[in-house]
């Protein structure tokens, strides 16, 4: 009888302990805060080459990236530089110049342009009877240096481009006979080394010659050296 009562008492005590534990479980769970949860990190899935993708999948459908976020350009495309295009649009091509040195008389009033074109800005108005320092020639204009130090361009017809001469020289080199005293001129004929040429004028770095046929044109001075 005593043994039966002991077993009954132990059973009742065990049931009471289980009941107390069950009642305290919600309170224990409620006491767990965020600081009690171990920190975790999300590692993106690896791509086909073993490297994590640059952008998360959701970025493909995102209408716009947040301000300050770098979005790489698609493969095969190179970023453009607005400053480069702006500078290329405003770049000015320098004219080709054949160097020369001469002081020529102005035959008629004529403007000096800022570039070898009539549409360019007028730097100065030259008067007939004045002299101008020529520093080179372009296809259609003479390059001049003004007293102000500026470089300008004047029409060759406005100056005494050819100074008269009357001499005979022996050619030291073959040379083409040109219709104007510059390297862009049209070739009219050709004279050969060892032959005599009749020089009837001097113009910048060229000699004006008269051939036996009566044809006149210009050859470079280097052909007479």
C-alpha atoms as a PDB file:
ATOM      1  CA  UNK A   1       0.000   0.000   0.000  1.00  0.00           C
ATOM      2  CA  UNK A   2       2.811   2.343   0.902  1.00  0.00           C
ATOM      3  CA  UNK A   3       4.655   1.445  -2.298  1.00  0.00           C
ATOM      4  CA  UNK A   4       1.549   2.205  -4.401  1.00  0.00           C
ATOM      5  CA  UNK A   5       1.118   5.599  -2.733  1.00  0.00           C
ATOM      6  CA  UNK A   6       4.793   6.464  -3.467  1.00  0.00           C
ATOM      7  CA  UNK A   7       4.398   5.650  -7.154  1.00  0.00           C
ATOM      8  CA  UNK A   8       1.231   7.752  -7.340  1.00  0.00           C
ATOM      9  CA  UNK A   9       2.933  10.703  -5.685  1.00  0.00           C
ATOM     10  CA  UNK A  10       5.908  10.494  -8.097  1.00  0.00           C
ATOM     11  CA  UNK A  11       3.562  10.396 -11.088  1.00  0.00           C
ATOM     12  CA  UNK A  12       1.678  13.474  -9.871  1.00  0.00           C
ATOM     13  CA  UNK A  13       4.956  15.364  -9.329  1.00  0.00           C
ATOM     14  CA  UNK A  14       6.177  14.476 -12.834  1.00  0.00           C
ATOM     15  CA  UNK A  15       2.935  15.660 -14.415  1.00  0.00           C
ATOM     16  CA  UNK A  16       3.133  18.908 -12.475  1.00  0.00           C
ATOM     17  CA  UNK A  17       6.697  19.514 -13.752  1.00  0.00           C
ATOM     18  CA  UNK A  18       5.658  18.873 -17.362  1.00  0.00           C
ATOM     19  CA  UNK A  19       2.693  21.248 -16.953  1.00  0.00           C
ATOM     20  CA  UNK A  20       4.934  23.977 -15.509  1.00  0.00           C
ATOM     21  CA  UNK A  21       7.423  23.584 -18.367  1.00  0.00           C
ATOM     22  CA  UNK A  22       4.670  23.818 -20.955  1.00  0.00           C
ATOM     23  CA  UNK A  23       3.330  27.002 -19.407  1.00  0.00           C
ATOM     24  CA  UNK A  24       6.760  28.663 -19.301  1.00  0.00           C
ATOM     25  CA  UNK A  25       7.689  27.867 -22.971  1.00  0.00           C
ATOM     26  CA  UNK A  26       5.790  30.843 -24.549  1.00  0.00           C
ATOM     27  CA  UNK A  27       7.376  33.206 -22.066  1.00  0.00           C
ATOM     28  CA  UNK A  28      10.818  31.830 -22.894  1.00  0.00           C
ATOM     29  CA  UNK A  29      10.180  32.239 -26.628  1.00  0.00           C
ATOM     30  CA  UNK A  30       8.855  35.772 -26.111  1.00  0.00           C
ATOM     31  CA  UNK A  31      12.060  36.731 -24.349  1.00  0.00           C
ATOM     32  CA  UNK A  32      14.256  35.997 -27.383  1.00  0.00           C
ATOM     33  CA  UNK A  33      15.045  39.288 -29.194  1.00  0.00           C
ATOM     34  CA  UNK A  34      16.891  40.140 -32.440  1.00  0.00           C
ATOM     35  CA  UNK A  35      20.120  40.413 -30.527  1.00  0.00           C
ATOM     36  CA  UNK A  36      19.778  36.759 -29.527  1.00  0.00           C
ATOM     37  CA  UNK A  37      19.561  35.575 -33.157  1.00  0.00           C
ATOM     38  CA  UNK A  38      22.942  34.753 -34.739  1.00  0.00           C
ATOM     39  CA  UNK A  39      23.922  37.171 -37.531  1.00  0.00           C
ATOM     40  CA  UNK A  40      23.545  35.760 -41.030  1.00  0.00           C
ATOM     41  CA  UNK A  41      24.603  36.909 -44.507  1.00  0.00           C
ATOM     42  CA  UNK A  42      23.131  36.181 -47.916  1.00  0.00           C
ATOM     43  CA  UNK A  43      25.688  34.967 -50.459  1.00  0.00           C
ATOM     44  CA  UNK A  44      24.575  35.428 -54.130  1.00  0.00           C
ATOM     45  CA  UNK A  45      24.503  32.352 -56.287  1.00  0.00           C
ATOM     46  CA  UNK A  46      27.507  31.819 -58.526  1.00  0.00           C
ATOM     47  CA  UNK A  47      27.191  32.380 -62.263  1.00  0.00           C
ATOM     48  CA  UNK A  48      28.148  29.939 -65.008  1.00  0.00           C
ATOM     49  CA  UNK A  49      31.850  30.916 -64.718  1.00  0.00           C
ATOM     50  CA  UNK A  50      31.968  30.543 -60.954  1.00  0.00           C
ATOM     51  CA  UNK A  51      31.700  34.305 -60.290  1.00  0.00           C
ATOM     52  CA  UNK A  52      28.808  36.015 -58.604  1.00  0.00           C
ATOM     53  CA  UNK A  53      26.655  38.137 -60.987  1.00  0.00           C
ATOM     54  CA  UNK A  54      27.409  41.872 -61.038  1.00  0.00           C
ATOM     55  CA  UNK A  55      23.769  42.909 -60.656  1.00  0.00           C
ATOM     56  CA  UNK A  56      21.031  41.083 -58.726  1.00  0.00           C
ATOM     57  CA  UNK A  57      18.286  39.589 -60.909  1.00  0.00           C
ATOM     58  CA  UNK A  58      15.843  42.262 -59.787  1.00  0.00           C
ATOM     59  CA  UNK A  59      17.955  44.996 -61.408  1.00  0.00           C
ATOM     60  CA  UNK A  60      17.020  43.755 -64.871  1.00  0.00           C
ATOM     61  CA  UNK A  61      13.437  44.834 -64.360  1.00  0.00           C
ATOM     62  CA  UNK A  62      14.153  47.954 -62.338  1.00  0.00           C
ATOM     63  CA  UNK A  63      13.053  51.077 -64.282  1.00  0.00           C
ATOM     64  CA  UNK A  64      15.921  53.191 -62.953  1.00  0.00           C
ATOM     65  CA  UNK A  65      18.920  52.923 -60.672  1.00  0.00           C
ATOM     66  CA  UNK A  66      19.080  54.961 -57.467  1.00  0.00           C
ATOM     67  CA  UNK A  67      21.064  58.202 -57.591  1.00  0.00           C
ATOM     68  CA  UNK A  68      24.804  57.613 -57.159  1.00  0.00           C
ATOM     69  CA  UNK A  69      24.623  53.945 -58.227  1.00  0.00           C
ATOM     70  CA  UNK A  70      27.103  52.847 -60.885  1.00  0.00           C
ATOM     71  CA  UNK A  71      25.469  50.834 -63.644  1.00  0.00           C
ATOM     72  CA  UNK A  72      28.035  49.245 -65.997  1.00  0.00           C
ATOM     73  CA  UNK A  73      27.557  49.587 -69.758  1.00  0.00           C
ATOM     74  CA  UNK A  74      26.487  46.481 -71.695  1.00  0.00           C
ATOM     75  CA  UNK A  75      29.302  44.303 -72.999  1.00  0.00           C
ATOM     76  CA  UNK A  76      30.812  45.526 -76.272  1.00  0.00           C
ATOM     77  CA  UNK A  77      29.776  49.156 -75.796  1.00  0.00           C
ATOM     78  CA  UNK A  78      32.241  51.922 -74.985  1.00  0.00           C
ATOM     79  CA  UNK A  79      31.190  54.946 -72.944  1.00  0.00           C
ATOM     80  CA  UNK A  80      31.233  58.198 -74.852  1.00  0.00           C
ATOM     81  CA  UNK A  81      32.763  61.420 -73.620  1.00  0.00           C
ATOM     82  CA  UNK A  82      30.548  64.500 -74.162  1.00  0.00           C
ATOM     83  CA  UNK A  83      33.538  66.800 -73.725  1.00  0.00           C
ATOM     84  CA  UNK A  84      35.378  64.994 -76.533  1.00  0.00           C
ATOM     85  CA  UNK A  85      32.492  65.531 -78.980  1.00  0.00           C
ATOM     86  CA  UNK A  86      32.127  69.141 -77.923  1.00  0.00           C
ATOM     87  CA  UNK A  87      35.815  69.851 -78.455  1.00  0.00           C
ATOM     88  CA  UNK A  88      35.837  68.107 -81.859  1.00  0.00           C
ATOM     89  CA  UNK A  89      32.873  70.193 -83.023  1.00  0.00           C
ATOM     90  CA  UNK A  90      34.650  73.436 -82.160  1.00  0.00           C
ATOM     91  CA  UNK A  91      38.112  72.481 -83.377  1.00  0.00           C
ATOM     92  CA  UNK A  92      39.515  74.690 -86.169  1.00  0.00           C
ATOM     93  CA  UNK A  93      41.686  73.225 -88.877  1.00  0.00           C
ATOM     94  CA  UNK A  94      44.911  75.138 -89.406  1.00  0.00           C
ATOM     95  CA  UNK A  95      45.591  76.146 -93.036  1.00  0.00           C
ATOM     96  CA  UNK A  96      48.545  74.657 -94.902  1.00  0.00           C
ATOM     97  CA  UNK A  97      51.299  77.250 -95.230  1.00  0.00           C
ATOM     98  CA  UNK A  98      54.237  77.323 -97.627  1.00  0.00           C
ATOM     99  CA  UNK A  99      56.846  79.459 -95.831  1.00  0.00           C
ATOM    100  CA  UNK A 100      58.165  82.589 -97.551  1.00  0.00           C
ATOM    101  CA  UNK A 101      59.799  85.877 -96.647  1.00  0.00           C
ATOM    102  CA  UNK A 102      59.205  89.070 -98.602  1.00  0.00           C
ATOM    103  CA  UNK A 103      58.194  92.697 -98.209  1.00  0.00           C
ATOM    104  CA  UNK A 104      55.704  93.551-100.933  1.00  0.00           C
ATOM    105  CA  UNK A 105      54.060  96.756-102.031  1.00  0.00           C
ATOM    106  CA  UNK A 106      50.273  97.028-101.782  1.00  0.00           C
ATOM    107  CA  UNK A 107      48.836  97.974-105.183  1.00  0.00           C
ATOM    108  CA  UNK A 108      45.213  98.600-104.144  1.00  0.00           C
ATOM    109  CA  UNK A 109      43.136  98.995-100.990  1.00  0.00           C
ATOM    110  CA  UNK A 110      42.422  95.547 -99.629  1.00  0.00           C
ATOM    111  CA  UNK A 111      41.255  93.916 -96.384  1.00  0.00           C
ATOM    112  CA  UNK A 112      43.431  91.592 -94.311  1.00  0.00           C
ATOM    113  CA  UNK A 113      41.427  88.574 -93.122  1.00  0.00           C
ATOM    114  CA  UNK A 114      41.883  86.530 -89.949  1.00  0.00           C
ATOM    115  CA  UNK A 115      41.777  83.330 -92.041  1.00  0.00           C
ATOM    116  CA  UNK A 116      42.330  82.518 -95.739  1.00  0.00           C
ATOM    117  CA  UNK A 117      38.663  83.087 -96.596  1.00  0.00           C
ATOM    118  CA  UNK A 118      36.572  86.159 -97.433  1.00  0.00           C
ATOM    119  CA  UNK A 119      33.959  85.070 -94.901  1.00  0.00           C
ATOM    120  CA  UNK A 120      36.432  85.448 -92.023  1.00  0.00           C
ATOM    121  CA  UNK A 121      36.884  88.489 -89.781  1.00  0.00           C
ATOM    122  CA  UNK A 122      38.564  91.659 -91.139  1.00  0.00           C
ATOM    123  CA  UNK A 123      41.669  92.470 -89.117  1.00  0.00           C
ATOM    124  CA  UNK A 124      42.813  95.561 -90.967  1.00  0.00           C
ATOM    125  CA  UNK A 125      42.357  97.541 -94.168  1.00  0.00           C
ATOM    126  CA  UNK A 126      45.557  97.925 -96.205  1.00  0.00           C
ATOM    127  CA  UNK A 127      45.975 101.055 -98.315  1.00  0.00           C
ATOM    128  CA  UNK A 128      47.583 101.297-101.736  1.00  0.00           C
ATOM    129  CA  UNK A 129      51.230 102.378-101.604  1.00  0.00           C
ATOM    130  CA  UNK A 130      51.902 100.732 -98.228  1.00  0.00           C
ATOM    131  CA  UNK A 131      54.147  97.697 -97.724  1.00  0.00           C
ATOM    132  CA  UNK A 132      53.238  94.417 -96.071  1.00  0.00           C
ATOM    133  CA  UNK A 133      55.455  91.664 -94.672  1.00  0.00           C
ATOM    134  CA  UNK A 134      54.628  88.316 -96.275  1.00  0.00           C
ATOM    135  CA  UNK A 135      55.476  85.218 -94.223  1.00  0.00           C
ATOM    136  CA  UNK A 136      54.002  82.511 -96.417  1.00  0.00           C
ATOM    137  CA  UNK A 137      51.350  81.516 -98.892  1.00  0.00           C
ATOM    138  CA  UNK A 138      48.311  79.265 -98.982  1.00  0.00           C
ATOM    139  CA  UNK A 139      46.480  77.924-101.999  1.00  0.00           C
ATOM    140  CA  UNK A 140      44.684  81.224-102.688  1.00  0.00           C
ATOM    141  CA  UNK A 141      46.013  83.780-100.175  1.00  0.00           C
ATOM    142  CA  UNK A 142      49.242  85.258 -98.851  1.00  0.00           C
ATOM    143  CA  UNK A 143      49.969  85.042 -95.142  1.00  0.00           C
ATOM    144  CA  UNK A 144      51.134  88.388 -93.719  1.00  0.00           C
ATOM    145  CA  UNK A 145      52.313  89.746 -90.364  1.00  0.00           C
ATOM    146  CA  UNK A 146      50.775  93.040 -89.327  1.00  0.00           C
ATOM    147  CA  UNK A 147      52.467  95.749 -87.242  1.00  0.00           C
ATOM    148  CA  UNK A 148      50.222  94.727 -84.335  1.00  0.00           C
ATOM    149  CA  UNK A 149      51.858  91.301 -84.389  1.00  0.00           C
ATOM    150  CA  UNK A 150      48.725  89.595 -85.681  1.00  0.00           C
ATOM    151  CA  UNK A 151      48.845  87.087 -88.524  1.00  0.00           C
ATOM    152  CA  UNK A 152      46.437  87.699 -91.383  1.00  0.00           C
ATOM    153  CA  UNK A 153      45.747  86.822 -95.006  1.00  0.00           C
ATOM    154  CA  UNK A 154      45.515  89.016 -98.085  1.00  0.00           C
ATOM    155  CA  UNK A 155      44.549  88.446-101.706  1.00  0.00           C
ATOM    156  CA  UNK A 156      47.713  88.069-103.866  1.00  0.00           C
ATOM    157  CA  UNK A 157      46.209  90.300-106.544  1.00  0.00           C
ATOM    158  CA  UNK A 158      46.299  93.237-104.105  1.00  0.00           C
ATOM    159  CA  UNK A 159      50.125  93.277-103.886  1.00  0.00           C
ATOM    160  CA  UNK A 160      53.081  93.419-106.262  1.00  0.00           C
ATOM    161  CA  UNK A 161      53.643  89.679-106.198  1.00  0.00           C
ATOM    162  CA  UNK A 162      56.239  89.535-109.011  1.00  0.00           C
ATOM    163  CA  UNK A 163      59.237  91.840-109.203  1.00  0.00           C
ATOM    164  CA  UNK A 164      60.698  92.216-112.716  1.00  0.00           C
ATOM    165  CA  UNK A 165      64.048  90.622-113.578  1.00  0.00           C
ATOM    166  CA  UNK A 166      66.033  89.798-116.691  1.00  0.00           C
ATOM    167  CA  UNK A 167      68.668  87.091-116.231  1.00  0.00           C
ATOM    168  CA  UNK A 168      69.673  83.735-117.675  1.00  0.00           C
ATOM    169  CA  UNK A 169      70.415  80.794-115.385  1.00  0.00           C
ATOM    170  CA  UNK A 170      71.460  77.184-115.858  1.00  0.00           C
ATOM    171  CA  UNK A 171      69.135  74.660-114.215  1.00  0.00           C
ATOM    172  CA  UNK A 172      70.749  72.498-111.561  1.00  0.00           C
ATOM    173  CA  UNK A 173      67.625  70.303-111.155  1.00  0.00           C
ATOM    174  CA  UNK A 174      64.626  69.261-113.203  1.00  0.00           C
ATOM    175  CA  UNK A 175      61.587  71.378-112.365  1.00  0.00           C
ATOM    176  CA  UNK A 176      57.923  71.715-113.221  1.00  0.00           C
ATOM    177  CA  UNK A 177      56.740  75.042-114.621  1.00  0.00           C
ATOM    178  CA  UNK A 178      53.739  76.235-112.582  1.00  0.00           C
ATOM    179  CA  UNK A 179      51.044  78.793-113.355  1.00  0.00           C
ATOM    180  CA  UNK A 180      51.355  80.406-109.884  1.00  0.00           C
ATOM    181  CA  UNK A 181      54.197  80.824-107.366  1.00  0.00           C
ATOM    182  CA  UNK A 182      53.038  78.193-104.860  1.00  0.00           C
ATOM    183  CA  UNK A 183      53.120  74.419-104.528  1.00  0.00           C
ATOM    184  CA  UNK A 184      49.384  74.022-105.172  1.00  0.00           C
ATOM    185  CA  UNK A 185      49.603  75.591-108.634  1.00  0.00           C
ATOM    186  CA  UNK A 186      48.836  73.821-111.905  1.00  0.00           C
ATOM    187  CA  UNK A 187      51.790  72.329-113.790  1.00  0.00           C
ATOM    188  CA  UNK A 188      52.153  73.794-117.284  1.00  0.00           C
ATOM    189  CA  UNK A 189      55.403  72.254-118.530  1.00  0.00           C
ATOM    190  CA  UNK A 190      58.771  70.939-117.354  1.00  0.00           C
ATOM    191  CA  UNK A 191      62.365  72.115-117.720  1.00  0.00           C
ATOM    192  CA  UNK A 192      65.428  69.921-117.299  1.00  0.00           C
ATOM    193  CA  UNK A 193      68.800  70.054-115.597  1.00  0.00           C
ATOM    194  CA  UNK A 194      71.623  71.656-117.594  1.00  0.00           C
ATOM    195  CA  UNK A 195      69.358  73.797-119.786  1.00  0.00           C
ATOM    196  CA  UNK A 196      69.357  77.578-119.743  1.00  0.00           C
ATOM    197  CA  UNK A 197      66.258  79.402-118.525  1.00  0.00           C
ATOM    198  CA  UNK A 198      65.358  83.044-118.983  1.00  0.00           C
ATOM    199  CA  UNK A 199      64.246  84.525-115.664  1.00  0.00           C
ATOM    200  CA  UNK A 200      61.895  87.478-116.107  1.00  0.00           C
ATOM    201  CA  UNK A 201      60.683  87.898-112.540  1.00  0.00           C
ATOM    202  CA  UNK A 202      61.110  86.969-108.881  1.00  0.00           C
ATOM    203  CA  UNK A 203      58.138  86.024-106.660  1.00  0.00           C
ATOM    204  CA  UNK A 204      58.606  84.799-103.092  1.00  0.00           C
ATOM    205  CA  UNK A 205      60.576  81.505-103.379  1.00  0.00           C
ATOM    206  CA  UNK A 206      59.997  81.199-107.143  1.00  0.00           C
ATOM    207  CA  UNK A 207      61.439  82.506-110.391  1.00  0.00           C
ATOM    208  CA  UNK A 208      59.228  83.500-113.272  1.00  0.00           C
ATOM    209  CA  UNK A 209      60.698  82.185-116.494  1.00  0.00           C
ATOM    210  CA  UNK A 210      59.908  82.647-120.169  1.00  0.00           C
ATOM    211  CA  UNK A 211      60.389  79.594-122.336  1.00  0.00           C
ATOM    212  CA  UNK A 212      61.405  79.617-126.020  1.00  0.00           C
ATOM    213  CA  UNK A 213      57.796  78.869-126.912  1.00  0.00           C
ATOM    214  CA  UNK A 214      56.775  82.094-125.195  1.00  0.00           C
ATOM    215  CA  UNK A 215      55.128  80.260-122.297  1.00  0.00           C
ATOM    216  CA  UNK A 216      55.697  81.884-118.902  1.00  0.00           C
ATOM    217  CA  UNK A 217      55.481  80.184-115.549  1.00  0.00           C
ATOM    218  CA  UNK A 218      57.152  79.733-112.192  1.00  0.00           C
ATOM    219  CA  UNK A 219      59.854  77.328-111.022  1.00  0.00           C
ATOM    220  CA  UNK A 220      61.225  77.035-107.462  1.00  0.00           C
ATOM    221  CA  UNK A 221      64.526  78.778-106.723  1.00  0.00           C
ATOM    222  CA  UNK A 222      65.925  75.453-105.543  1.00  0.00           C
ATOM    223  CA  UNK A 223      66.046  74.364-109.199  1.00  0.00           C
ATOM    224  CA  UNK A 224      68.719  77.003-109.824  1.00  0.00           C
ATOM    225  CA  UNK A 225      71.005  76.162-106.905  1.00  0.00           C
END
